[in-house]
Amino acid sequence: MNRILLAAGIGSSLLYFVTLIVASLTWPGYSHVAQYASELGSADAPFPMIFNAGIVMTGGLGILGGLGVFLCLARLGRPLSGFFAGAALAAWGVGMVLGGLHPMPDPRHHGYGLVMGVVLLPVFLMIALRGRASAGEYIFLIAWLCAMALVLGIMFGVGGMVTTANVGLWQRGLALAMIPGIGIACARLLKRRT
């Protein structure tokens, strides 16, 4: 069962990008550089249900992946840090589900900031795997955390680099800094589990 849950976590990171690409192909003239990804699920999009359903499924897989992370780390004797790591991923999943259920401009679309829970995932994984992770795994977790922090800082206005003309590009950068790490972390835990 734990293998299936961790595989769901891997699937969440893949499904997000598939959803983004497929939904954008249905909107001629859509700009990944200047438009938010969430606009693909708004009333202005030709087929908003594609994006919204994909995001809900992505979030659902993330919630299952969070449970898998917790169970894997609990089995390794780290239930407390495993709980927080699993909760960080599950919070991201819940935020994604809310984003799909409440398209822009609904204020609930942002999922009450729960998607940012994933920023803490590498921290809790480092704590949970202390003394058991390889140097390469620690380097990956630190690099993942730094990449997310860097792009988040830019998105929140550090350096004044984000404009209305390039906000979509920076949002894609944040997605690339954040989401593939979920799949990689779940895959590493799956390998450890097996």
N, C-alpha and C. Protein backbone atom coordinates (compact mmCIF):
# COMPACT_ATOMS: atom_id res chain seq x y z
N MET A 1 0.82 -1.20 0.00
CA MET A 1 0.00 0.00 0.00
C MET A 1 0.86 1.26 0.00
N ASN A 2 1.92 1.26 0.81
CA ASN A 2 2.80 2.42 0.88
C ASN A 2 3.45 2.73 -0.46
N ARG A 3 3.74 1.69 -1.23
CA ARG A 3 4.32 1.89 -2.57
C ARG A 3 3.35 2.65 -3.45
N ILE A 4 2.08 2.29 -3.37
CA ILE A 4 1.06 2.96 -4.18
C ILE A 4 0.95 4.43 -3.77
N LEU A 5 0.99 4.70 -2.48
CA LEU A 5 0.88 6.08 -1.99
C LEU A 5 2.07 6.92 -2.43
N LEU A 6 3.27 6.38 -2.35
CA LEU A 6 4.45 7.11 -2.81
C LEU A 6 4.42 7.30 -4.32
N ALA A 7 3.93 6.29 -5.04
CA ALA A 7 3.78 6.43 -6.49
C ALA A 7 2.78 7.54 -6.83
N ALA A 8 1.75 7.70 -5.99
CA ALA A 8 0.80 8.80 -6.19
C ALA A 8 1.52 10.14 -6.05
N GLY A 9 2.42 10.24 -5.10
CA GLY A 9 3.21 11.47 -4.94
C GLY A 9 4.04 11.76 -6.18
N ILE A 10 4.64 10.73 -6.75
CA ILE A 10 5.40 10.89 -7.99
C ILE A 10 4.45 11.35 -9.10
N GLY A 11 3.30 10.72 -9.17
CA GLY A 11 2.32 11.05 -10.20
C GLY A 11 1.81 12.48 -10.09
N SER A 12 1.72 13.01 -8.87
CA SER A 12 1.24 14.38 -8.71
C SER A 12 2.15 15.37 -9.41
N SER A 13 3.45 15.14 -9.31
CA SER A 13 4.39 16.09 -9.93
C SER A 13 4.34 15.99 -11.45
N LEU A 14 4.08 14.81 -11.97
CA LEU A 14 3.96 14.65 -13.42
C LEU A 14 2.64 15.20 -13.94
N LEU A 15 1.55 14.91 -13.24
CA LEU A 15 0.23 15.32 -13.70
C LEU A 15 0.09 16.83 -13.75
N TYR A 16 0.73 17.54 -12.83
CA TYR A 16 0.63 19.00 -12.86
C TYR A 16 1.10 19.55 -14.22
N PHE A 17 2.27 19.10 -14.67
CA PHE A 17 2.83 19.63 -15.92
C PHE A 17 2.05 19.14 -17.14
N VAL A 18 1.56 17.91 -17.09
CA VAL A 18 0.71 17.43 -18.19
C VAL A 18 -0.55 18.28 -18.28
N THR A 19 -1.16 18.55 -17.14
CA THR A 19 -2.37 19.40 -17.10
C THR A 19 -2.08 20.78 -17.67
N LEU A 20 -0.97 21.37 -17.25
CA LEU A 20 -0.60 22.70 -17.72
C LEU A 20 -0.43 22.72 -19.24
N ILE A 21 0.26 21.75 -19.77
CA ILE A 21 0.51 21.71 -21.21
C ILE A 21 -0.77 21.44 -22.00
N VAL A 22 -1.53 20.44 -21.60
CA VAL A 22 -2.75 20.09 -22.33
C VAL A 22 -3.75 21.24 -22.30
N ALA A 23 -3.96 21.84 -21.13
CA ALA A 23 -4.91 22.94 -21.03
C ALA A 23 -4.48 24.13 -21.88
N SER A 24 -3.18 24.41 -21.91
CA SER A 24 -2.71 25.56 -22.70
C SER A 24 -2.88 25.33 -24.19
N LEU A 25 -2.82 24.08 -24.63
CA LEU A 25 -3.00 23.78 -26.05
C LEU A 25 -4.42 24.04 -26.53
N THR A 26 -5.37 24.12 -25.61
CA THR A 26 -6.76 24.37 -25.99
C THR A 26 -7.09 25.86 -26.06
N TRP A 27 -6.11 26.73 -25.74
CA TRP A 27 -6.35 28.17 -25.72
C TRP A 27 -5.39 28.85 -26.69
N PRO A 28 -5.79 29.06 -27.95
CA PRO A 28 -4.92 29.75 -28.90
C PRO A 28 -4.57 31.15 -28.40
N GLY A 29 -3.30 31.47 -28.46
CA GLY A 29 -2.85 32.78 -28.02
C GLY A 29 -2.50 32.86 -26.54
N TYR A 30 -2.71 31.78 -25.80
CA TYR A 30 -2.34 31.79 -24.38
C TYR A 30 -0.83 31.93 -24.26
N SER A 31 -0.37 32.75 -23.31
CA SER A 31 1.06 33.01 -23.14
C SER A 31 1.56 32.46 -21.80
N HIS A 32 2.48 31.51 -21.88
CA HIS A 32 3.11 31.00 -20.65
C HIS A 32 4.02 32.04 -20.02
N VAL A 33 4.40 33.05 -20.80
CA VAL A 33 5.30 34.08 -20.30
C VAL A 33 4.54 35.15 -19.52
N ALA A 34 3.39 35.57 -20.04
CA ALA A 34 2.69 36.71 -19.46
C ALA A 34 1.46 36.36 -18.64
N GLN A 35 0.98 35.12 -18.71
CA GLN A 35 -0.25 34.76 -18.02
C GLN A 35 0.01 33.73 -16.92
N TYR A 36 -0.78 33.85 -15.86
CA TYR A 36 -0.72 32.87 -14.78
C TYR A 36 -1.25 31.52 -15.27
N ALA A 37 -0.74 30.46 -14.71
CA ALA A 37 -1.25 29.13 -15.04
C ALA A 37 -2.72 29.02 -14.69
N SER A 38 -3.12 29.60 -13.58
CA SER A 38 -4.51 29.50 -13.11
C SER A 38 -5.52 30.12 -14.06
N GLU A 39 -5.06 30.99 -14.95
CA GLU A 39 -5.97 31.56 -15.94
C GLU A 39 -6.54 30.48 -16.85
N LEU A 40 -5.84 29.37 -16.96
CA LEU A 40 -6.34 28.25 -17.78
C LEU A 40 -7.60 27.63 -17.20
N GLY A 41 -7.87 27.88 -15.93
CA GLY A 41 -9.08 27.37 -15.29
C GLY A 41 -10.13 28.43 -15.05
N SER A 42 -9.86 29.65 -15.51
CA SER A 42 -10.80 30.75 -15.30
C SER A 42 -11.91 30.73 -16.35
N ALA A 43 -12.90 31.57 -16.14
CA ALA A 43 -14.03 31.65 -17.07
C ALA A 43 -13.60 32.12 -18.45
N ASP A 44 -12.46 32.79 -18.56
CA ASP A 44 -11.98 33.27 -19.86
C ASP A 44 -11.40 32.15 -20.72
N ALA A 45 -11.02 31.06 -20.11
CA ALA A 45 -10.41 29.95 -20.85
C ALA A 45 -11.47 29.21 -21.67
N PRO A 46 -11.10 28.71 -22.84
CA PRO A 46 -12.07 27.98 -23.66
C PRO A 46 -12.58 26.70 -22.99
N PHE A 47 -11.69 25.98 -22.31
CA PHE A 47 -12.06 24.72 -21.67
C PHE A 47 -11.47 24.68 -20.25
N PRO A 48 -12.03 25.48 -19.35
CA PRO A 48 -11.45 25.57 -18.00
C PRO A 48 -11.50 24.26 -17.22
N MET A 49 -12.44 23.40 -17.55
CA MET A 49 -12.58 22.15 -16.79
C MET A 49 -11.33 21.27 -16.95
N ILE A 50 -10.65 21.35 -18.07
CA ILE A 50 -9.44 20.54 -18.26
C ILE A 50 -8.42 20.89 -17.17
N PHE A 51 -8.16 22.18 -17.02
CA PHE A 51 -7.18 22.60 -16.02
C PHE A 51 -7.67 22.33 -14.61
N ASN A 52 -8.90 22.70 -14.33
CA ASN A 52 -9.42 22.55 -12.96
C ASN A 52 -9.49 21.09 -12.53
N ALA A 53 -9.96 20.21 -13.41
CA ALA A 53 -10.01 18.78 -13.06
C ALA A 53 -8.60 18.22 -12.87
N GLY A 54 -7.68 18.64 -13.74
CA GLY A 54 -6.30 18.17 -13.62
C GLY A 54 -5.65 18.62 -12.32
N ILE A 55 -5.94 19.85 -11.90
CA ILE A 55 -5.37 20.37 -10.66
C ILE A 55 -5.97 19.66 -9.45
N VAL A 56 -7.27 19.38 -9.50
CA VAL A 56 -7.90 18.65 -8.40
C VAL A 56 -7.28 17.25 -8.29
N MET A 57 -7.09 16.58 -9.43
CA MET A 57 -6.48 15.25 -9.40
C MET A 57 -5.02 15.32 -8.93
N THR A 58 -4.30 16.35 -9.38
CA THR A 58 -2.92 16.55 -8.93
C THR A 58 -2.88 16.67 -7.41
N GLY A 59 -3.77 17.50 -6.88
CA GLY A 59 -3.83 17.68 -5.42
C GLY A 59 -4.19 16.40 -4.69
N GLY A 60 -5.14 15.66 -5.25
CA GLY A 60 -5.52 14.39 -4.62
C GLY A 60 -4.36 13.43 -4.56
N LEU A 61 -3.57 13.36 -5.64
CA LEU A 61 -2.38 12.51 -5.64
C LEU A 61 -1.35 13.02 -4.63
N GLY A 62 -1.25 14.35 -4.49
CA GLY A 62 -0.33 14.92 -3.51
C GLY A 62 -0.72 14.56 -2.08
N ILE A 63 -2.02 14.56 -1.79
CA ILE A 63 -2.49 14.17 -0.46
C ILE A 63 -2.13 12.71 -0.18
N LEU A 64 -2.37 11.85 -1.16
CA LEU A 64 -2.00 10.44 -1.00
C LEU A 64 -0.49 10.29 -0.83
N GLY A 65 0.27 11.07 -1.62
CA GLY A 65 1.73 11.04 -1.49
C GLY A 65 2.18 11.47 -0.10
N GLY A 66 1.49 12.47 0.48
CA GLY A 66 1.82 12.89 1.83
C GLY A 66 1.63 11.78 2.84
N LEU A 67 0.55 11.03 2.67
CA LEU A 67 0.32 9.87 3.54
C LEU A 67 1.43 8.83 3.35
N GLY A 68 1.83 8.63 2.10
CA GLY A 68 2.92 7.70 1.82
C GLY A 68 4.23 8.11 2.45
N VAL A 69 4.54 9.42 2.40
CA VAL A 69 5.76 9.93 3.03
C VAL A 69 5.72 9.67 4.53
N PHE A 70 4.60 9.97 5.15
CA PHE A 70 4.48 9.74 6.59
C PHE A 70 4.67 8.26 6.93
N LEU A 71 3.97 7.37 6.22
CA LEU A 71 4.05 5.94 6.53
C LEU A 71 5.46 5.40 6.31
N CYS A 72 6.12 5.86 5.26
CA CYS A 72 7.48 5.40 4.98
C CYS A 72 8.44 5.83 6.09
N LEU A 73 8.35 7.09 6.49
CA LEU A 73 9.26 7.59 7.51
C LEU A 73 8.93 7.03 8.89
N ALA A 74 7.65 6.78 9.15
CA ALA A 74 7.27 6.14 10.41
C ALA A 74 7.84 4.74 10.48
N ARG A 75 7.81 4.04 9.36
CA ARG A 75 8.37 2.69 9.30
C ARG A 75 9.87 2.70 9.54
N LEU A 76 10.52 3.82 9.15
CA LEU A 76 11.96 3.96 9.38
C LEU A 76 12.28 4.42 10.80
N GLY A 77 11.25 4.56 11.64
CA GLY A 77 11.45 4.95 13.02
C GLY A 77 11.45 6.44 13.27
N ARG A 78 10.91 7.20 12.34
CA ARG A 78 10.87 8.65 12.47
C ARG A 78 9.43 9.17 12.33
N PRO A 79 8.52 8.76 13.23
CA PRO A 79 7.11 9.11 13.05
C PRO A 79 6.81 10.60 13.19
N LEU A 80 7.49 11.30 14.10
CA LEU A 80 7.15 12.71 14.31
C LEU A 80 7.59 13.57 13.13
N SER A 81 8.86 13.48 12.75
CA SER A 81 9.32 14.25 11.59
C SER A 81 8.65 13.74 10.32
N GLY A 82 8.33 12.45 10.30
CA GLY A 82 7.59 11.89 9.16
C GLY A 82 6.19 12.47 9.06
N PHE A 83 5.57 12.70 10.22
CA PHE A 83 4.24 13.32 10.22
C PHE A 83 4.31 14.71 9.61
N PHE A 84 5.30 15.50 10.03
CA PHE A 84 5.40 16.86 9.52
C PHE A 84 5.77 16.88 8.03
N ALA A 85 6.62 15.97 7.60
CA ALA A 85 6.96 15.89 6.18
C ALA A 85 5.72 15.50 5.36
N GLY A 86 5.01 14.51 5.83
CA GLY A 86 3.79 14.09 5.13
C GLY A 86 2.74 15.19 5.12
N ALA A 87 2.63 15.91 6.24
CA ALA A 87 1.65 17.00 6.33
C ALA A 87 2.01 18.14 5.38
N ALA A 88 3.31 18.40 5.20
CA ALA A 88 3.74 19.47 4.29
C ALA A 88 3.31 19.14 2.86
N LEU A 89 3.50 17.89 2.46
CA LEU A 89 3.09 17.49 1.11
C LEU A 89 1.57 17.45 0.99
N ALA A 90 0.90 16.92 2.00
CA ALA A 90 -0.56 16.87 1.97
C ALA A 90 -1.17 18.27 1.94
N ALA A 91 -0.56 19.23 2.64
CA ALA A 91 -1.06 20.60 2.61
C ALA A 91 -0.98 21.17 1.20
N TRP A 92 0.13 20.89 0.52
CA TRP A 92 0.25 21.30 -0.89
C TRP A 92 -0.88 20.69 -1.70
N GLY A 93 -1.15 19.40 -1.48
CA GLY A 93 -2.22 18.73 -2.20
C GLY A 93 -3.58 19.35 -1.93
N VAL A 94 -3.87 19.66 -0.67
CA VAL A 94 -5.15 20.29 -0.32
C VAL A 94 -5.26 21.66 -1.00
N GLY A 95 -4.17 22.43 -0.99
CA GLY A 95 -4.17 23.72 -1.66
C GLY A 95 -4.45 23.60 -3.14
N MET A 96 -3.89 22.58 -3.78
CA MET A 96 -4.13 22.35 -5.21
C MET A 96 -5.59 21.97 -5.45
N VAL A 97 -6.14 21.10 -4.61
CA VAL A 97 -7.55 20.72 -4.75
C VAL A 97 -8.44 21.96 -4.65
N LEU A 98 -8.18 22.80 -3.65
CA LEU A 98 -8.97 24.02 -3.48
C LEU A 98 -8.83 24.93 -4.70
N GLY A 99 -7.61 25.00 -5.25
CA GLY A 99 -7.40 25.82 -6.44
C GLY A 99 -8.21 25.35 -7.63
N GLY A 100 -8.35 24.04 -7.78
CA GLY A 100 -9.14 23.50 -8.88
C GLY A 100 -10.64 23.60 -8.65
N LEU A 101 -11.05 23.51 -7.40
CA LEU A 101 -12.49 23.59 -7.09
C LEU A 101 -13.01 25.02 -7.11
N HIS A 102 -12.10 25.98 -6.91
CA HIS A 102 -12.49 27.40 -6.84
C HIS A 102 -11.62 28.20 -7.80
N PRO A 103 -11.96 28.20 -9.09
CA PRO A 103 -11.13 28.88 -10.10
C PRO A 103 -11.00 30.38 -9.83
N MET A 104 -9.96 30.97 -10.42
CA MET A 104 -9.79 32.42 -10.36
C MET A 104 -11.04 33.09 -10.90
N PRO A 105 -11.48 34.18 -10.33
CA PRO A 105 -10.86 35.03 -9.30
C PRO A 105 -11.35 34.74 -7.89
N ASP A 106 -11.97 33.59 -7.65
CA ASP A 106 -12.44 33.24 -6.31
C ASP A 106 -11.27 33.31 -5.33
N PRO A 107 -11.44 34.02 -4.20
CA PRO A 107 -10.33 34.14 -3.24
C PRO A 107 -9.89 32.79 -2.65
N ARG A 108 -10.77 31.80 -2.67
CA ARG A 108 -10.39 30.48 -2.16
C ARG A 108 -9.46 29.74 -3.13
N HIS A 109 -9.30 30.29 -4.33
CA HIS A 109 -8.45 29.64 -5.33
C HIS A 109 -7.02 29.46 -4.81
N HIS A 110 -6.56 30.37 -4.00
CA HIS A 110 -5.18 30.30 -3.51
C HIS A 110 -5.00 29.29 -2.37
N GLY A 111 -6.09 28.61 -2.03
CA GLY A 111 -6.00 27.52 -1.06
C GLY A 111 -5.47 27.93 0.29
N TYR A 112 -5.72 29.20 0.68
CA TYR A 112 -5.30 29.70 1.98
C TYR A 112 -3.79 29.56 2.20
N GLY A 113 -3.04 29.55 1.12
CA GLY A 113 -1.58 29.45 1.22
C GLY A 113 -1.05 28.06 1.51
N LEU A 114 -1.92 27.06 1.50
CA LEU A 114 -1.48 25.70 1.85
C LEU A 114 -0.47 25.13 0.87
N VAL A 115 -0.50 25.58 -0.39
CA VAL A 115 0.47 25.06 -1.35
C VAL A 115 1.90 25.38 -0.93
N MET A 116 2.08 26.41 -0.13
CA MET A 116 3.42 26.77 0.33
C MET A 116 3.96 25.78 1.36
N GLY A 117 3.11 24.87 1.83
CA GLY A 117 3.56 23.85 2.77
C GLY A 117 4.70 23.02 2.21
N VAL A 118 4.71 22.87 0.89
CA VAL A 118 5.74 22.04 0.28
C VAL A 118 7.14 22.63 0.45
N VAL A 119 7.23 23.93 0.72
CA VAL A 119 8.54 24.54 0.94
C VAL A 119 9.21 23.94 2.17
N LEU A 120 8.41 23.48 3.13
CA LEU A 120 8.96 22.88 4.35
C LEU A 120 9.29 21.39 4.17
N LEU A 121 8.84 20.79 3.09
CA LEU A 121 9.06 19.35 2.89
C LEU A 121 10.54 18.98 2.93
N PRO A 122 11.42 19.66 2.19
CA PRO A 122 12.84 19.25 2.28
C PRO A 122 13.43 19.41 3.67
N VAL A 123 12.97 20.41 4.42
CA VAL A 123 13.47 20.60 5.79
C VAL A 123 13.10 19.39 6.65
N PHE A 124 11.81 19.01 6.60
CA PHE A 124 11.37 17.88 7.42
C PHE A 124 11.98 16.56 6.94
N LEU A 125 12.24 16.45 5.65
CA LEU A 125 12.91 15.24 5.15
C LEU A 125 14.35 15.18 5.65
N MET A 126 15.03 16.31 5.69
CA MET A 126 16.40 16.31 6.21
C MET A 126 16.42 15.89 7.68
N ILE A 127 15.43 16.38 8.43
CA ILE A 127 15.34 16.00 9.84
C ILE A 127 15.03 14.51 9.98
N ALA A 128 14.07 14.05 9.20
CA ALA A 128 13.64 12.65 9.31
C ALA A 128 14.73 11.68 8.87
N LEU A 129 15.53 12.09 7.90
CA LEU A 129 16.54 11.17 7.35
C LEU A 129 17.94 11.41 7.93
N ARG A 130 18.03 12.24 8.97
CA ARG A 130 19.34 12.51 9.54
C ARG A 130 20.03 11.21 9.93
N GLY A 131 21.27 11.12 9.52
CA GLY A 131 22.04 9.92 9.81
C GLY A 131 21.72 8.75 8.90
N ARG A 132 20.74 8.90 8.03
CA ARG A 132 20.35 7.79 7.14
C ARG A 132 20.39 8.18 5.67
N ALA A 133 20.55 9.45 5.39
CA ALA A 133 20.57 9.90 4.00
C ALA A 133 22.01 9.97 3.50
N SER A 134 22.17 9.78 2.21
CA SER A 134 23.49 9.90 1.60
C SER A 134 23.81 11.39 1.42
N ALA A 135 25.07 11.67 1.14
CA ALA A 135 25.48 13.06 0.89
C ALA A 135 24.71 13.61 -0.32
N GLY A 136 24.51 12.78 -1.33
CA GLY A 136 23.76 13.21 -2.51
C GLY A 136 22.32 13.58 -2.18
N GLU A 137 21.71 12.83 -1.28
CA GLU A 137 20.33 13.14 -0.89
C GLU A 137 20.26 14.46 -0.12
N TYR A 138 21.23 14.69 0.75
CA TYR A 138 21.26 15.96 1.47
C TYR A 138 21.50 17.13 0.51
N ILE A 139 22.40 16.94 -0.43
CA ILE A 139 22.66 18.00 -1.42
C ILE A 139 21.40 18.30 -2.22
N PHE A 140 20.68 17.24 -2.64
CA PHE A 140 19.43 17.45 -3.37
C PHE A 140 18.43 18.24 -2.52
N LEU A 141 18.23 17.84 -1.26
CA LEU A 141 17.24 18.50 -0.41
C LEU A 141 17.61 19.96 -0.16
N ILE A 142 18.89 20.24 0.05
CA ILE A 142 19.33 21.62 0.27
C ILE A 142 19.15 22.44 -1.00
N ALA A 143 19.54 21.87 -2.15
CA ALA A 143 19.39 22.58 -3.42
C ALA A 143 17.92 22.84 -3.73
N TRP A 144 17.07 21.86 -3.44
CA TRP A 144 15.62 22.02 -3.68
C TRP A 144 15.07 23.15 -2.81
N LEU A 145 15.43 23.16 -1.54
CA LEU A 145 14.98 24.21 -0.63
C LEU A 145 15.48 25.58 -1.09
N CYS A 146 16.74 25.68 -1.46
CA CYS A 146 17.31 26.96 -1.90
C CYS A 146 16.65 27.45 -3.19
N ALA A 147 16.39 26.53 -4.12
CA ALA A 147 15.74 26.93 -5.37
C ALA A 147 14.34 27.48 -5.12
N MET A 148 13.58 26.80 -4.25
CA MET A 148 12.24 27.30 -3.93
C MET A 148 12.31 28.66 -3.25
N ALA A 149 13.23 28.81 -2.28
CA ALA A 149 13.35 30.07 -1.55
C ALA A 149 13.75 31.20 -2.48
N LEU A 150 14.66 30.94 -3.40
CA LEU A 150 15.12 31.95 -4.34
C LEU A 150 13.98 32.45 -5.22
N VAL A 151 13.27 31.51 -5.86
CA VAL A 151 12.21 31.92 -6.79
C VAL A 151 11.03 32.51 -6.03
N LEU A 152 10.72 32.01 -4.84
CA LEU A 152 9.66 32.61 -4.03
C LEU A 152 10.00 34.06 -3.68
N GLY A 153 11.24 34.28 -3.31
CA GLY A 153 11.67 35.65 -2.99
C GLY A 153 11.48 36.58 -4.18
N ILE A 154 11.86 36.10 -5.35
CA ILE A 154 11.68 36.90 -6.57
C ILE A 154 10.20 37.14 -6.84
N MET A 155 9.39 36.09 -6.66
CA MET A 155 7.95 36.25 -6.89
C MET A 155 7.31 37.23 -5.91
N PHE A 156 7.88 37.33 -4.71
CA PHE A 156 7.35 38.27 -3.71
C PHE A 156 7.96 39.66 -3.84
N GLY A 157 8.73 39.90 -4.90
CA GLY A 157 9.18 41.24 -5.21
C GLY A 157 10.65 41.55 -4.99
N VAL A 158 11.43 40.60 -4.48
CA VAL A 158 12.85 40.86 -4.27
C VAL A 158 13.52 41.11 -5.63
N GLY A 159 14.18 42.23 -5.75
CA GLY A 159 14.89 42.55 -6.99
C GLY A 159 14.02 43.20 -8.06
N GLY A 160 12.72 43.26 -7.84
CA GLY A 160 11.83 43.89 -8.81
C GLY A 160 11.88 43.26 -10.19
N MET A 161 12.09 41.96 -10.26
CA MET A 161 12.26 41.28 -11.55
C MET A 161 10.95 40.85 -12.18
N VAL A 162 9.91 40.69 -11.37
CA VAL A 162 8.63 40.20 -11.90
C VAL A 162 7.79 41.38 -12.37
N THR A 163 7.33 41.31 -13.61
CA THR A 163 6.46 42.34 -14.18
C THR A 163 5.22 41.67 -14.75
N THR A 164 4.26 42.47 -15.15
CA THR A 164 3.06 41.90 -15.78
C THR A 164 3.41 41.22 -17.10
N ALA A 165 4.51 41.61 -17.71
CA ALA A 165 4.90 41.01 -18.99
C ALA A 165 5.59 39.66 -18.84
N ASN A 166 6.10 39.36 -17.62
CA ASN A 166 6.83 38.10 -17.45
C ASN A 166 6.38 37.28 -16.24
N VAL A 167 5.26 37.65 -15.64
CA VAL A 167 4.82 36.97 -14.42
C VAL A 167 4.58 35.47 -14.65
N GLY A 168 4.08 35.13 -15.81
CA GLY A 168 3.85 33.71 -16.12
C GLY A 168 5.15 32.93 -16.17
N LEU A 169 6.17 33.54 -16.73
CA LEU A 169 7.48 32.89 -16.81
C LEU A 169 8.04 32.61 -15.42
N TRP A 170 7.92 33.60 -14.52
CA TRP A 170 8.42 33.39 -13.17
C TRP A 170 7.58 32.37 -12.41
N GLN A 171 6.27 32.36 -12.69
CA GLN A 171 5.43 31.35 -12.04
C GLN A 171 5.83 29.95 -12.50
N ARG A 172 6.14 29.81 -13.79
CA ARG A 172 6.61 28.50 -14.28
C ARG A 172 7.94 28.14 -13.63
N GLY A 173 8.79 29.16 -13.41
CA GLY A 173 10.05 28.91 -12.72
C GLY A 173 9.83 28.41 -11.31
N LEU A 174 8.84 28.99 -10.63
CA LEU A 174 8.51 28.52 -9.28
C LEU A 174 8.01 27.08 -9.32
N ALA A 175 7.16 26.78 -10.30
CA ALA A 175 6.64 25.41 -10.43
C ALA A 175 7.79 24.43 -10.68
N LEU A 176 8.76 24.83 -11.51
CA LEU A 176 9.90 23.96 -11.79
C LEU A 176 10.82 23.82 -10.57
N ALA A 177 10.89 24.86 -9.75
CA ALA A 177 11.71 24.77 -8.54
C ALA A 177 11.02 23.93 -7.47
N MET A 178 9.70 23.91 -7.49
CA MET A 178 8.93 23.30 -6.42
C MET A 178 8.47 21.87 -6.72
N ILE A 179 7.81 21.68 -7.83
CA ILE A 179 7.03 20.46 -8.04
C ILE A 179 7.84 19.22 -8.42
N PRO A 180 8.84 19.31 -9.31
CA PRO A 180 9.61 18.09 -9.59
C PRO A 180 10.27 17.48 -8.35
N GLY A 181 10.64 18.33 -7.39
CA GLY A 181 11.24 17.84 -6.15
C GLY A 181 10.32 16.89 -5.40
N ILE A 182 9.02 17.13 -5.51
CA ILE A 182 8.05 16.23 -4.86
C ILE A 182 8.19 14.83 -5.43
N GLY A 183 8.21 14.75 -6.75
CA GLY A 183 8.33 13.44 -7.39
C GLY A 183 9.65 12.76 -7.08
N ILE A 184 10.73 13.55 -7.09
CA ILE A 184 12.05 12.98 -6.80
C ILE A 184 12.12 12.48 -5.35
N ALA A 185 11.61 13.28 -4.42
CA ALA A 185 11.63 12.87 -3.01
C ALA A 185 10.81 11.60 -2.80
N CYS A 186 9.63 11.54 -3.40
CA CYS A 186 8.79 10.33 -3.25
C CYS A 186 9.46 9.13 -3.91
N ALA A 187 10.14 9.36 -5.04
CA ALA A 187 10.84 8.25 -5.71
C ALA A 187 11.99 7.73 -4.86
N ARG A 188 12.72 8.64 -4.19
CA ARG A 188 13.81 8.22 -3.32
C ARG A 188 13.29 7.45 -2.12
N LEU A 189 12.17 7.91 -1.56
CA LEU A 189 11.58 7.18 -0.43
C LEU A 189 11.04 5.84 -0.88
N LEU A 190 10.50 5.79 -2.08
CA LEU A 190 10.00 4.52 -2.62
C LEU A 190 11.16 3.54 -2.79
N LYS A 191 12.27 4.02 -3.29
CA LYS A 191 13.46 3.16 -3.44
C LYS A 191 13.94 2.68 -2.07
N ARG A 192 13.93 3.59 -1.10
CA ARG A 192 14.34 3.22 0.25
C ARG A 192 13.37 2.20 0.84
N ARG A 193 12.10 2.39 0.53
CA ARG A 193 11.05 1.50 1.05
C ARG A 193 11.18 0.09 0.48
N THR A 194 11.57 0.02 -0.80
CA THR A 194 11.65 -1.29 -1.44
C THR A 194 13.00 -1.92 -1.24
